[in-house]
Each structure stands twice: as C-alpha cells, then as structure tokens.
C-alpha cells in the first residue's frame, strides 16, 4: 500500500452498510471556485469544521471532500450536504450541484465508492486531483490536470487534513438547522393593558424581560423578533 493509499483510507474509506465517512460537494457547469470557496470558508468560519479537501474533477467541477472520524447514515450525510447547499449556494441552479453520496444510493447491503481522485477521466483524457487552496483560482473554468499528479504530492496534501470529530459534526448539524417556528399558536409579546399590581420596581420587569429575550442568542429567532417589536411599541416611562 502506498502512502497515498494510506491517506485515502484514513480519510475516505468506502461506504458500507448504509453508512459513510466521506462526503463530497461539487459545483459544475461551469466550474466556479468563487462560489464554492464561500462554502469552503463558511464551513470553517461558521460551522467550526476542519478544512475539507479541494479537488478538481478532471471534467467540469470543483469539489469539496469532507472526512468524518466516525461513519454516519447515508441519509444524514445527504441531509448535511443539502443544508450546505441551501445555506451557501441558495441561488445556484440545483442541476449544477453534485453531491456524494447521492440520494439514490442504497441504504444498506452494498459497498459504495466515492469518485476516485486522483484518476484519469476517460471522457476528457484529463486527470482529477486534490489541490491546495491557492490553485483553483489558477485553474479558472478548467478544473483538471493535463497529466497525472505526483502520488507523493497528493499524499502530502491529504496528510495535512483532519477528520471531523463526532462533537464537531453534532455542533455543525445544530448550526445548520434553521430556527424553527413552533407549530403551536404564535408566541405573543406581553401586553400591559391589565398589568398586575406593581410592587417596588415591578413596573420595569416586563421591559427587562423583553430586553433579556431580545438579547438572548440562544432564544428562537421568532421570539427575539416579537420581543423587539414589543419594545419598539412601548414608550419608556421617564423618571422625573
């Protein structure tokens, strides 16, 4: 087994029994690194994940390769990629987005292999390869190599990558899920038409409560908006 084989096995082993450790998100037709770079940067800055590998497909796309330390169900992997698409590429035509594992991969009972990289692409005669972050801008709309990349160089690139640990994965999933508005009747901001009898500093309590809700980053967005609206509708009482 070569050093490249070892790194490939460490990061992107074959998917089996309905689970995978390798996830791939690609952008094609045309290949546009400017758009995909926003995903590459976002997963690190927003989701606090290790940098995914960057690959040229040898045909028509740039790709981001994510490696998980522990396998996850194919459905969860697919959902993660779809959430990345919705968050970072919402205006890109769905037909331009490539995902692995794809939605039609069987759940269990067979082994599935992600597209081989590096590899010769018979349709074009060009090569796919992993590349460093500074190279996609050089390739432009030609995401391929004219000749086979050096195996040692490919292995060196992969050796610098880290797998996504289970706690990092869970954290990223939580960050990707949009704040859900409960299906129950909408939460109403407190009204002051018939307030309870004040005691001491009690008249300030509703406003303090609304301020705490509005400034609570962990509160659902809908509640924070309602609190802000309620505060805007109030006329603070002066203390003459």
Protein backbone atom coordinates (compact mmCIF):
# COMPACT_ATOMS: atom_id res chain seq x y z
CA UNK A 1 0.00 0.00 0.00
CA UNK A 2 1.40 3.40 -0.99
CA UNK A 3 1.39 6.47 1.21
CA UNK A 4 -1.42 7.89 -0.92
CA UNK A 5 -3.47 4.72 -0.41
CA UNK A 6 -2.94 5.02 3.33
CA UNK A 7 -4.13 8.63 3.39
CA UNK A 8 -7.13 7.80 1.20
CA UNK A 9 -8.11 5.00 3.55
CA UNK A 10 -7.63 7.25 6.58
CA UNK A 11 -9.87 9.96 5.22
CA UNK A 12 -12.24 8.49 2.64
CA UNK A 13 -12.85 4.75 3.05
CA UNK A 14 -15.61 3.10 1.04
CA UNK A 15 -19.16 3.47 2.33
CA UNK A 16 -20.71 0.22 3.54
CA UNK A 17 -23.87 -0.99 5.25
CA UNK A 18 -25.72 2.28 4.79
CA UNK A 19 -23.03 4.46 6.37
CA UNK A 20 -20.21 6.66 5.11
CA UNK A 21 -17.26 8.69 6.33
CA UNK A 22 -16.74 10.52 3.03
CA UNK A 23 -18.93 13.37 1.77
CA UNK A 24 -18.39 15.32 -1.45
CA UNK A 25 -19.96 18.59 -2.58
CA UNK A 26 -19.20 19.77 -6.12
CA UNK A 27 -20.09 22.70 -8.36
CA UNK A 28 -20.10 22.26 -12.13
CA UNK A 29 -21.23 23.58 -15.49
CA UNK A 30 -19.41 25.90 -15.21
CA UNK A 31 -16.88 25.17 -12.52
CA UNK A 32 -16.86 28.26 -10.32
CA UNK A 33 -14.37 28.32 -7.49
CA UNK A 34 -15.51 31.77 -6.34
CA UNK A 35 -18.88 30.30 -5.33
CA UNK A 36 -17.53 27.06 -3.88
CA UNK A 37 -14.84 28.94 -1.98
CA UNK A 38 -17.63 30.56 0.04
CA UNK A 39 -18.62 27.07 1.20
CA UNK A 40 -15.00 26.11 1.94
CA UNK A 41 -14.55 29.24 4.04
CA UNK A 42 -18.00 29.07 5.62
CA UNK A 43 -17.74 25.55 6.99
CA UNK A 44 -14.57 26.61 8.79
CA UNK A 45 -15.65 30.06 9.99
CA UNK A 46 -19.35 29.44 10.65
CA UNK A 47 -19.51 25.73 11.48
CA UNK A 48 -16.02 25.44 13.01
CA UNK A 49 -15.16 22.34 10.98
CA UNK A 50 -11.70 21.32 9.76
CA UNK A 51 -10.94 22.44 6.21
CA UNK A 52 -12.24 19.96 3.62
CA UNK A 53 -10.00 18.83 0.79
CA UNK A 54 -10.31 20.66 -2.52
CA UNK A 55 -10.33 18.68 -5.76
CA UNK A 56 -10.59 19.30 -9.48
CA UNK A 57 -12.79 16.66 -11.11
CA UNK A 58 -10.88 16.26 -14.36
CA UNK A 59 -14.08 17.15 -16.22
CA UNK A 60 -16.26 20.08 -15.22
CA UNK A 61 -16.34 20.70 -11.47
CA UNK A 62 -14.57 21.74 -8.31
CA UNK A 63 -15.22 19.57 -5.28
CA UNK A 64 -15.00 19.76 -1.50
CA UNK A 65 -14.21 16.48 0.26
CA UNK A 66 -15.27 16.11 3.90
CA UNK A 67 -13.92 13.33 6.09
CA UNK A 68 -15.72 12.09 9.21
CA UNK A 69 -13.91 10.34 12.04
CA UNK A 70 -16.97 8.14 12.58
CA UNK A 71 -19.38 6.90 9.88
CA UNK A 72 -22.88 8.36 9.70
CA UNK A 73 -26.02 7.14 7.98
CA UNK A 74 -26.21 7.95 4.28
CA UNK A 75 -29.43 9.89 4.83
CA UNK A 76 -27.72 12.12 7.41
CA UNK A 77 -24.78 12.72 5.10
CA UNK A 78 -27.13 13.65 2.26
CA UNK A 79 -29.08 15.98 4.53
CA UNK A 80 -25.87 17.72 5.63
CA UNK A 81 -24.85 18.38 2.03
CA UNK A 82 -28.31 19.66 1.16
CA UNK A 83 -28.21 22.03 4.12
CA UNK A 84 -24.82 23.31 2.97
CA UNK A 85 -26.31 23.95 -0.46
CA UNK A 86 -29.26 25.83 0.99
CA UNK A 87 -27.06 27.94 3.26
CA UNK A 88 -24.18 28.83 0.95
CA UNK A 89 -25.43 28.24 -2.61
CA UNK A 90 -29.15 29.11 -2.48
CA UNK A 91 -29.15 30.93 -5.82
CA UNK A 92 -27.22 28.29 -7.76
CA UNK A 93 -29.27 26.01 -10.02
CA UNK A 94 -29.72 22.61 -8.40
CA UNK A 95 -28.57 20.94 -11.63
CA UNK A 96 -25.08 22.42 -11.10
CA UNK A 97 -24.65 20.90 -7.64
CA UNK A 98 -23.01 17.49 -7.29
CA UNK A 99 -23.30 15.50 -4.07
CA UNK A 100 -21.88 12.24 -2.82
CA UNK A 101 -23.42 10.14 -1.51
CA UNK A 102 -26.26 10.86 -3.95
CA UNK A 103 -29.88 10.49 -2.92
CA UNK A 104 -30.32 7.28 -4.93
CA UNK A 105 -27.56 5.34 -3.13
CA UNK A 106 -28.95 2.20 -1.49
CA UNK A 107 -29.22 2.44 2.27
CA UNK A 108 -27.63 -0.89 3.16
CA UNK A 109 -26.31 -4.17 1.87
CA UNK A 110 -23.65 -2.95 -0.53
CA UNK A 111 -20.39 -1.01 -0.75
CA UNK A 112 -20.26 2.40 -2.42
CA UNK A 113 -17.17 4.21 -3.58
CA UNK A 114 -16.84 7.96 -3.96
CA UNK A 115 -15.45 9.17 -7.30
CA UNK A 116 -11.77 8.24 -7.49
CA UNK A 117 -9.29 11.09 -7.03
CA UNK A 118 -6.73 11.26 -8.49
CA UNK A 119 -7.89 9.41 -11.59
CA UNK A 120 -7.77 9.62 -15.37
CA UNK A 121 -11.13 10.69 -16.82
CA UNK A 122 -11.71 8.66 -19.97
CA UNK A 123 -14.22 11.17 -21.37
CA UNK A 124 -11.72 14.03 -21.43
CA UNK A 125 -8.29 12.44 -21.18
CA UNK A 126 -7.60 14.74 -18.21
CA UNK A 127 -6.93 13.95 -14.57
CA UNK A 128 -8.76 14.65 -11.36
CA UNK A 129 -6.60 15.63 -8.40
CA UNK A 130 -6.56 17.12 -4.94
CA UNK A 131 -5.17 20.65 -4.98
CA UNK A 132 -4.02 23.23 -2.45
CA UNK A 133 -6.35 26.19 -1.68
CA UNK A 134 -4.35 28.64 -3.79
CA UNK A 135 -4.61 26.65 -7.03
CA UNK A 136 -8.32 26.72 -8.02
CA UNK A 137 -8.05 30.40 -8.89
CA UNK A 138 -5.31 29.46 -11.34
CA UNK A 139 -7.39 26.71 -12.98
CA UNK A 140 -10.32 29.07 -13.58
CA UNK A 141 -13.05 27.23 -15.51
CA UNK A 142 -10.69 24.36 -16.43
CA UNK A 143 -10.78 22.08 -13.37
CA UNK A 144 -8.36 19.41 -14.48
CA UNK A 145 -4.73 18.40 -14.90
CA UNK A 146 -3.28 17.52 -18.28
CA UNK A 147 -1.09 14.83 -16.74
CA UNK A 148 -1.15 12.54 -13.74
CA UNK A 149 -0.38 14.30 -10.44
CA UNK A 150 2.50 13.00 -8.36
CA UNK A 151 1.35 10.46 -5.80
CA UNK A 152 3.69 11.79 -3.13
CA UNK A 153 2.39 15.32 -3.63
CA UNK A 154 -1.20 14.08 -3.38
CA UNK A 155 -0.41 12.14 -0.22
CA UNK A 156 1.27 15.19 1.29
CA UNK A 157 -1.82 17.32 0.66
CA UNK A 158 -4.09 14.75 2.28
CA UNK A 159 -1.78 14.25 5.25
CA UNK A 160 -2.49 17.80 6.39
CA UNK A 161 -6.24 17.22 6.61
CA UNK A 162 -8.15 16.36 9.77
CA UNK A 163 -11.28 14.27 10.15
CA UNK A 164 -14.44 15.84 11.55
CA UNK A 165 -14.82 14.56 15.10
CA UNK A 166 -18.25 13.46 16.41
CA UNK A 167 -18.68 16.54 18.62
CA UNK A 168 -17.72 18.85 15.74
CA UNK A 169 -20.20 17.06 13.49
CA UNK A 170 -23.01 17.41 16.03
CA UNK A 171 -22.20 21.08 16.53
CA UNK A 172 -22.23 21.72 12.78
CA UNK A 173 -25.59 19.99 12.35
CA UNK A 174 -27.06 22.14 15.10
CA UNK A 175 -25.71 25.30 13.48
CA UNK A 176 -27.11 24.32 10.09
CA UNK A 177 -30.65 23.65 11.29
CA UNK A 178 -32.60 26.91 10.96
CA UNK A 179 -34.51 28.18 13.96
CA UNK A 180 -37.90 26.52 13.79
CA UNK A 181 -41.05 28.48 14.43
CA UNK A 182 -43.24 26.24 16.62
CA UNK A 183 -46.43 24.96 15.06
CA UNK A 184 -48.31 25.94 18.18
CA UNK A 185 -50.10 29.32 18.32
CA UNK A 186 -47.55 32.11 17.85
CA UNK A 187 -45.97 33.46 20.98
CA UNK A 188 -47.27 36.88 21.84
CA UNK A 189 -45.25 39.59 23.47
CA UNK A 190 -46.55 40.52 26.91
CA UNK A 191 -49.13 43.32 26.85
CA UNK A 192 -49.60 45.89 29.54
CA UNK A 193 -53.31 46.60 29.21
CA UNK A 194 -54.08 44.98 32.58
CA UNK A 195 -50.76 44.63 34.37
CA UNK A 196 -50.52 43.05 37.80
CA UNK A 197 -50.36 45.34 40.76
CA UNK A 198 -46.85 46.81 40.92
CA UNK A 199 -44.65 46.23 43.91
CA UNK A 200 -41.39 48.09 44.33
CA UNK A 201 -39.56 48.12 40.98
CA UNK A 202 -42.07 45.76 39.35
CA UNK A 203 -43.13 48.23 36.57
CA UNK A 204 -39.72 47.73 34.95
CA UNK A 205 -39.84 43.94 34.98
CA UNK A 206 -41.73 43.40 31.67
CA UNK A 207 -39.30 45.64 29.81
CA UNK A 208 -36.31 43.95 31.42
CA UNK A 209 -37.75 40.58 30.46
CA UNK A 210 -38.24 41.65 26.84
CA UNK A 211 -34.71 43.02 26.71
CA UNK A 212 -33.31 39.74 28.02
CA UNK A 213 -35.26 37.75 25.41
CA UNK A 214 -34.19 40.03 22.56
CA UNK A 215 -30.52 39.79 23.57
CA UNK A 216 -30.54 36.03 24.20
CA UNK A 217 -28.69 34.49 21.23
CA UNK A 218 -29.94 31.04 22.21
CA UNK A 219 -33.62 32.03 22.07
CA UNK A 220 -35.63 31.17 18.92
CA UNK A 221 -35.42 33.94 16.34
CA UNK A 222 -39.21 34.31 16.25
CA UNK A 223 -39.32 35.07 19.99
CA UNK A 224 -36.48 37.60 19.72
CA UNK A 225 -38.28 39.40 16.89
CA UNK A 226 -41.53 39.52 18.87
CA UNK A 227 -39.68 40.90 21.89
CA UNK A 228 -38.05 43.59 19.76
CA UNK A 229 -41.42 44.57 18.30
CA UNK A 230 -42.93 44.80 21.76
CA UNK A 231 -40.08 47.00 22.94
CA UNK A 232 -40.43 49.28 19.92
CA UNK A 233 -44.14 49.67 20.60
CA UNK A 234 -43.55 50.74 24.20
CA UNK A 235 -42.90 54.29 25.35
CA UNK A 236 -40.40 54.10 28.18
CA UNK A 237 -41.54 55.88 31.27
CA UNK A 238 -39.28 58.71 32.23
CA UNK A 239 -38.00 59.02 35.76
CA UNK A 240 -38.67 62.66 36.57
